[in-house]
């Protein structure tokens, strides 16, 4: 692929659908917030040739041309470029992630690409991208929302990337951060000593709250300006995060990638949030620190 992507830019997929225009609006607000350039991508698996354009050239693609016009109207001072890679959508977006700061995709229908099912694109790109992938759901929440940032916490050392991303975003927006650790009792709790139903649930709750406080200590110290609201629940992870996403500006979840998951569907929580979240969802790849061995606490992981 010869497409040139401005380094660390906010990349957004467009295809002319209402959902992609929502994603474009959100991405433009995001680029302005982060003071980064915006790059528009119209990926189409059936194209015979690719092109790159800047604001100084008229796009030969109608979708990119309309997208550029929309950005110029709403964010006249925002640096913006556009490209239409000839590669299939998934490999094109994954390659783009090597240079992009973030990738923003729409939801429902064909989403930000043509010729591929949105679910497969978001799943594959989220699992393999080298930058955060943000899925903008069709809600009234925009990129300038003052709602809190919500993050799913699982207590793993390799979950630091998602947590740091959430703290950074809350700090930039000047909003609170809601850190959610959802846990469920299972047969492994017999061996660990955590009470089963009918036992001392208060002790179990305190155990998990202690886990959450320990994980939050480092990033909270680095971001003393961020108000942290810890939430610990004995509940299904997806349901807890979906509830907290109401009124939020962004929901952040981690993903370990399909090569390191044992016994889980690829990005099961992330995929659930793409369907159920009331706000945009940022999927952030975990920092890989080892061979991916799983501890008992990992079975209470949020993502």
Protein backbone atom coordinates (compact mmCIF):
# COMPACT_ATOMS: atom_id res chain seq x y z
CA UNK A 1 0.00 0.00 0.00
CA UNK A 2 1.38 3.42 -0.96
CA UNK A 3 -1.02 5.52 1.14
CA UNK A 4 0.79 8.20 3.14
CA UNK A 5 -0.64 8.70 6.64
CA UNK A 6 0.48 11.67 8.78
CA UNK A 7 2.31 10.27 11.78
CA UNK A 8 0.23 10.00 14.98
CA UNK A 9 -2.85 11.29 13.19
CA UNK A 10 -6.47 10.47 13.98
CA UNK A 11 -7.59 8.20 11.14
CA UNK A 12 -11.30 7.79 10.41
CA UNK A 13 -13.00 5.45 7.97
CA UNK A 14 -15.73 6.94 5.77
CA UNK A 15 -18.09 5.36 3.24
CA UNK A 16 -20.91 7.91 2.84
CA UNK A 17 -23.28 6.23 5.30
CA UNK A 18 -24.92 8.18 8.16
CA UNK A 19 -22.89 6.10 10.63
CA UNK A 20 -19.61 7.03 8.98
CA UNK A 21 -20.55 10.73 9.08
CA UNK A 22 -21.15 10.36 12.83
CA UNK A 23 -17.71 8.77 13.12
CA UNK A 24 -16.22 11.59 11.04
CA UNK A 25 -17.76 14.28 13.26
CA UNK A 26 -16.50 12.53 16.39
CA UNK A 27 -13.03 12.00 14.93
CA UNK A 28 -12.74 15.66 13.91
CA UNK A 29 -13.65 16.74 17.44
CA UNK A 30 -11.11 14.24 18.76
CA UNK A 31 -8.34 15.48 16.48
CA UNK A 32 -9.03 19.04 17.60
CA UNK A 33 -8.99 17.99 21.27
CA UNK A 34 -5.69 16.14 20.91
CA UNK A 35 -4.22 18.77 18.54
CA UNK A 36 -3.44 16.15 15.90
CA UNK A 37 -4.05 16.04 12.14
CA UNK A 38 -7.08 14.18 10.82
CA UNK A 39 -6.79 11.63 8.03
CA UNK A 40 -9.81 10.25 6.15
CA UNK A 41 -9.75 6.76 4.66
CA UNK A 42 -12.23 5.34 2.18
CA UNK A 43 -11.21 1.68 2.02
CA UNK A 44 -12.73 -0.35 -0.79
CA UNK A 45 -11.69 -3.91 -1.60
CA UNK A 46 -12.86 -3.52 -5.23
CA UNK A 47 -10.75 -0.52 -6.21
CA UNK A 48 -8.34 -0.76 -9.10
CA UNK A 49 -6.06 2.03 -7.91
CA UNK A 50 -5.32 4.11 -4.83
CA UNK A 51 -4.86 7.83 -4.36
CA UNK A 52 -3.79 10.36 -1.75
CA UNK A 53 -5.08 13.93 -1.54
CA UNK A 54 -4.55 16.91 0.73
CA UNK A 55 -6.73 19.93 1.31
CA UNK A 56 -4.98 21.59 -1.63
CA UNK A 57 -6.35 19.08 -4.13
CA UNK A 58 -9.85 18.12 -5.16
CA UNK A 59 -10.56 14.50 -4.31
CA UNK A 60 -11.34 12.25 -7.26
CA UNK A 61 -13.49 10.16 -4.93
CA UNK A 62 -16.97 11.57 -4.17
CA UNK A 63 -17.07 10.15 -0.63
CA UNK A 64 -13.69 11.61 0.30
CA UNK A 65 -14.61 14.91 -1.31
CA UNK A 66 -17.81 15.21 0.75
CA UNK A 67 -15.93 14.16 3.88
CA UNK A 68 -13.33 16.87 3.32
CA UNK A 69 -16.09 19.45 2.80
CA UNK A 70 -17.78 18.41 6.04
CA UNK A 71 -14.54 18.77 8.00
CA UNK A 72 -13.74 22.14 6.41
CA UNK A 73 -17.20 23.43 7.36
CA UNK A 74 -17.10 22.25 10.98
CA UNK A 75 -13.36 22.51 11.73
CA UNK A 76 -11.87 25.02 9.26
CA UNK A 77 -8.47 25.16 10.99
CA UNK A 78 -7.97 21.41 11.37
CA UNK A 79 -5.24 19.86 9.18
CA UNK A 80 -6.93 17.12 7.13
CA UNK A 81 -5.89 14.70 4.40
CA UNK A 82 -7.66 11.87 2.63
CA UNK A 83 -6.72 8.60 0.95
CA UNK A 84 -8.38 5.62 -0.70
CA UNK A 85 -6.13 2.55 -0.47
CA UNK A 86 -6.64 -0.19 -3.03
CA UNK A 87 -6.01 -2.91 -0.43
CA UNK A 88 -8.84 -4.85 1.18
CA UNK A 89 -10.24 -3.00 4.21
CA UNK A 90 -8.78 -5.14 6.99
CA UNK A 91 -5.14 -5.26 5.85
CA UNK A 92 -5.32 -1.61 4.80
CA UNK A 93 -6.47 -0.45 8.23
CA UNK A 94 -4.03 -2.72 10.05
CA UNK A 95 -1.14 -1.33 8.02
CA UNK A 96 -2.39 2.20 8.63
CA UNK A 97 -2.35 1.50 12.39
CA UNK A 98 1.45 1.29 12.26
CA UNK A 99 1.56 5.06 11.69
CA UNK A 100 -1.78 6.34 13.03
CA UNK A 101 -2.31 7.55 16.58
CA UNK A 102 -5.87 6.19 16.66
CA UNK A 103 -8.32 4.65 14.21
CA UNK A 104 -11.98 5.67 14.38
CA UNK A 105 -14.70 3.50 12.79
CA UNK A 106 -18.46 3.82 12.53
CA UNK A 107 -20.89 1.11 13.54
CA UNK A 108 -23.82 -0.75 11.93
CA UNK A 109 -24.31 -1.44 8.24
CA UNK A 110 -21.12 -1.48 6.26
CA UNK A 111 -19.57 0.97 8.72
CA UNK A 112 -16.38 2.60 7.49
CA UNK A 113 -15.67 0.23 4.62
CA UNK A 114 -17.32 -1.26 1.58
CA UNK A 115 -17.16 -4.91 0.62
CA UNK A 116 -16.79 -6.35 4.13
CA UNK A 117 -19.03 -7.00 7.10
CA UNK A 118 -18.47 -4.41 9.81
CA UNK A 119 -18.22 -7.01 12.56
CA UNK A 120 -15.32 -8.76 10.88
CA UNK A 121 -13.53 -5.47 10.25
CA UNK A 122 -13.85 -4.15 13.79
CA UNK A 123 -12.94 -7.51 15.31
CA UNK A 124 -9.88 -8.11 13.14
CA UNK A 125 -8.64 -4.53 13.23
CA UNK A 126 -9.15 -4.20 17.00
CA UNK A 127 -7.25 -7.44 17.59
CA UNK A 128 -4.31 -6.70 15.29
CA UNK A 129 -4.03 -2.88 15.21
CA UNK A 130 -0.92 -1.30 16.66
CA UNK A 131 -2.89 1.73 17.85
CA UNK A 132 -6.17 2.17 19.75
CA UNK A 133 -9.33 1.57 17.71
CA UNK A 134 -12.40 3.63 18.59
CA UNK A 135 -15.86 2.52 17.49
CA UNK A 136 -18.37 5.39 17.42
CA UNK A 137 -21.86 4.23 18.16
CA UNK A 138 -24.89 6.13 16.84
CA UNK A 139 -25.66 8.20 19.91
CA UNK A 140 -25.94 11.90 20.64
CA UNK A 141 -22.57 11.86 22.43
CA UNK A 142 -19.93 13.81 20.50
CA UNK A 143 -16.18 14.19 20.70
CA UNK A 144 -16.51 17.22 22.98
CA UNK A 145 -18.64 15.45 25.60
CA UNK A 146 -17.99 16.33 29.24
CA UNK A 147 -19.20 12.98 30.53
CA UNK A 148 -16.77 10.78 32.48
CA UNK A 149 -14.35 8.33 30.89
CA UNK A 150 -15.16 4.74 31.87
CA UNK A 151 -12.51 2.03 31.87
CA UNK A 152 -12.78 -1.70 32.46
CA UNK A 153 -10.08 -2.95 34.84
CA UNK A 154 -8.96 -6.54 35.19
CA UNK A 155 -5.98 -6.24 37.53
CA UNK A 156 -3.49 -7.74 35.06
CA UNK A 157 -0.02 -6.20 34.59
CA UNK A 158 -0.63 -6.26 30.83
CA UNK A 159 -3.77 -4.15 31.25
CA UNK A 160 -1.72 -1.01 31.86
CA UNK A 161 -2.08 0.29 28.30
CA UNK A 162 -5.88 0.60 28.45
CA UNK A 163 -5.74 2.16 31.91
CA UNK A 164 -3.11 4.71 30.90
CA UNK A 165 -5.12 5.56 27.77
CA UNK A 166 -8.21 6.18 29.90
CA UNK A 167 -6.37 8.37 32.42
CA UNK A 168 -4.76 10.41 29.64
CA UNK A 169 -8.13 10.95 27.98
CA UNK A 170 -9.84 11.97 31.23
CA UNK A 171 -7.00 14.40 31.96
CA UNK A 172 -7.28 16.02 28.52
CA UNK A 173 -11.05 16.34 28.78
CA UNK A 174 -10.95 17.49 32.41
CA UNK A 175 -13.55 14.87 33.39
CA UNK A 176 -13.73 12.14 36.07
CA UNK A 177 -12.57 8.61 35.41
CA UNK A 178 -14.84 5.72 36.40
CA UNK A 179 -12.77 2.55 36.91
CA UNK A 180 -14.91 -0.60 36.84
CA UNK A 181 -13.83 -3.98 38.16
CA UNK A 182 -16.61 -6.54 37.71
CA UNK A 183 -16.12 -9.98 39.22
CA UNK A 184 -18.10 -13.20 39.44
CA UNK A 185 -17.90 -16.18 41.76
CA UNK A 186 -16.88 -19.46 40.19
CA UNK A 187 -15.49 -22.83 41.09
CA UNK A 188 -11.94 -21.48 41.31
CA UNK A 189 -12.95 -19.45 44.35
CA UNK A 190 -13.08 -22.64 46.42
CA UNK A 191 -9.31 -23.00 46.07
CA UNK A 192 -8.54 -19.30 46.57
CA UNK A 193 -10.54 -18.93 49.77
CA UNK A 194 -12.87 -16.27 48.36
CA UNK A 195 -16.35 -16.96 49.79
CA UNK A 196 -19.00 -18.61 47.66
CA UNK A 197 -22.67 -17.53 47.73
CA UNK A 198 -23.98 -17.67 51.27
CA UNK A 199 -20.55 -16.81 52.69
CA UNK A 200 -19.03 -13.47 53.64
CA UNK A 201 -19.65 -11.44 50.49
CA UNK A 202 -18.33 -8.33 52.21
CA UNK A 203 -14.90 -9.93 52.49
CA UNK A 204 -14.98 -10.90 48.82
CA UNK A 205 -15.96 -7.37 47.83
CA UNK A 206 -13.12 -5.91 49.90
CA UNK A 207 -10.68 -8.32 48.28
CA UNK A 208 -11.57 -7.08 44.79
CA UNK A 209 -11.67 -3.44 45.88
CA UNK A 210 -8.13 -3.90 47.16
CA UNK A 211 -7.12 -5.28 43.76
CA UNK A 212 -8.63 -2.27 42.04
CA UNK A 213 -6.97 0.24 44.36
CA UNK A 214 -3.62 -1.42 43.80
CA UNK A 215 -3.96 -1.24 40.00
CA UNK A 216 -5.12 2.39 40.10
CA UNK A 217 -2.35 3.62 42.43
CA UNK A 218 0.31 4.16 39.74
CA UNK A 219 -1.70 5.98 37.05
CA UNK A 220 -3.60 7.98 39.69
CA UNK A 221 -0.31 9.23 41.09
CA UNK A 222 0.77 10.26 37.57
CA UNK A 223 -2.53 12.08 37.04
CA UNK A 224 -3.41 13.74 40.36
CA UNK A 225 -5.72 16.14 38.51
CA UNK A 226 -8.09 13.32 37.54
CA UNK A 227 -10.97 12.51 39.87
CA UNK A 228 -11.16 8.71 40.16
CA UNK A 229 -14.45 6.96 40.90
CA UNK A 230 -13.84 3.25 41.61
CA UNK A 231 -16.72 0.82 40.98
CA UNK A 232 -16.52 -2.79 42.20
CA UNK A 233 -19.43 -5.09 41.39
CA UNK A 234 -20.20 -8.78 41.61
CA UNK A 235 -21.85 -8.80 38.20
CA UNK A 236 -21.27 -9.79 34.57
CA UNK A 237 -18.61 -7.54 33.09
CA UNK A 238 -20.49 -6.55 29.95
CA UNK A 239 -23.62 -5.58 31.83
CA UNK A 240 -21.68 -3.52 34.36
CA UNK A 241 -19.73 -1.63 31.71
CA UNK A 242 -22.86 -1.05 29.60
CA UNK A 243 -24.61 0.49 32.60
CA UNK A 244 -21.67 2.77 33.38
CA UNK A 245 -21.40 3.85 29.73
CA UNK A 246 -24.69 5.77 29.92
CA UNK A 247 -23.77 9.45 29.87
CA UNK A 248 -20.05 8.72 29.48
CA UNK A 249 -17.84 10.42 26.89
CA UNK A 250 -15.80 7.27 26.20
CA UNK A 251 -15.63 3.64 27.31
CA UNK A 252 -12.15 2.09 27.28
CA UNK A 253 -11.60 -1.66 27.20
CA UNK A 254 -8.50 -3.75 26.68
CA UNK A 255 -7.92 -6.68 24.39
CA UNK A 256 -5.27 -9.35 24.59
CA UNK A 257 -5.51 -10.39 20.94
CA UNK A 258 -6.62 -13.77 19.70
CA UNK A 259 -3.21 -15.40 20.04
CA UNK A 260 -3.16 -15.03 23.83
CA UNK A 261 -6.72 -15.86 24.76
CA UNK A 262 -7.43 -19.22 26.37
CA UNK A 263 -11.02 -20.35 26.47
CA UNK A 264 -12.48 -17.00 25.42
CA UNK A 265 -14.00 -15.78 22.18
CA UNK A 266 -11.77 -13.12 20.63
CA UNK A 267 -12.38 -9.83 22.41
CA UNK A 268 -15.70 -11.05 23.86
CA UNK A 269 -16.14 -8.07 26.18
CA UNK A 270 -14.91 -5.61 23.56
CA UNK A 271 -17.33 -6.99 21.00
CA UNK A 272 -20.18 -6.88 23.51
CA UNK A 273 -19.45 -3.23 24.22
CA UNK A 274 -19.47 -2.41 20.51
CA UNK A 275 -23.05 -3.68 20.47
CA UNK A 276 -24.26 -2.47 23.87
CA UNK A 277 -22.32 0.63 24.88
CA UNK A 278 -24.21 3.93 25.09
CA UNK A 279 -21.04 5.84 24.12
CA UNK A 280 -18.03 5.42 21.80
CA UNK A 281 -15.76 2.49 22.67
CA UNK A 282 -11.95 2.58 22.60
CA UNK A 283 -10.31 -0.83 22.23
CA UNK A 284 -6.70 -0.67 23.42
CA UNK A 285 -4.31 -3.58 23.01
CA UNK A 286 -2.68 -4.78 26.21
CA UNK A 287 1.03 -4.30 26.69
CA UNK A 288 2.54 -7.74 26.23
CA UNK A 289 4.81 -8.53 29.18
CA UNK A 290 5.13 -12.29 29.00
CA UNK A 291 3.94 -15.50 27.46
CA UNK A 292 0.35 -14.86 28.47
CA UNK A 293 0.05 -17.25 31.42
CA UNK A 294 -3.28 -16.91 33.18
CA UNK A 295 -3.78 -16.63 36.94
CA UNK A 296 -6.99 -17.31 38.86
CA UNK A 297 -7.73 -13.58 39.07
CA UNK A 298 -7.67 -13.43 35.26
CA UNK A 299 -10.97 -15.31 35.25
CA UNK A 300 -12.56 -12.15 36.66
CA UNK A 301 -11.04 -10.04 33.88
CA UNK A 302 -13.09 -7.31 32.28
CA UNK A 303 -11.75 -7.75 28.75
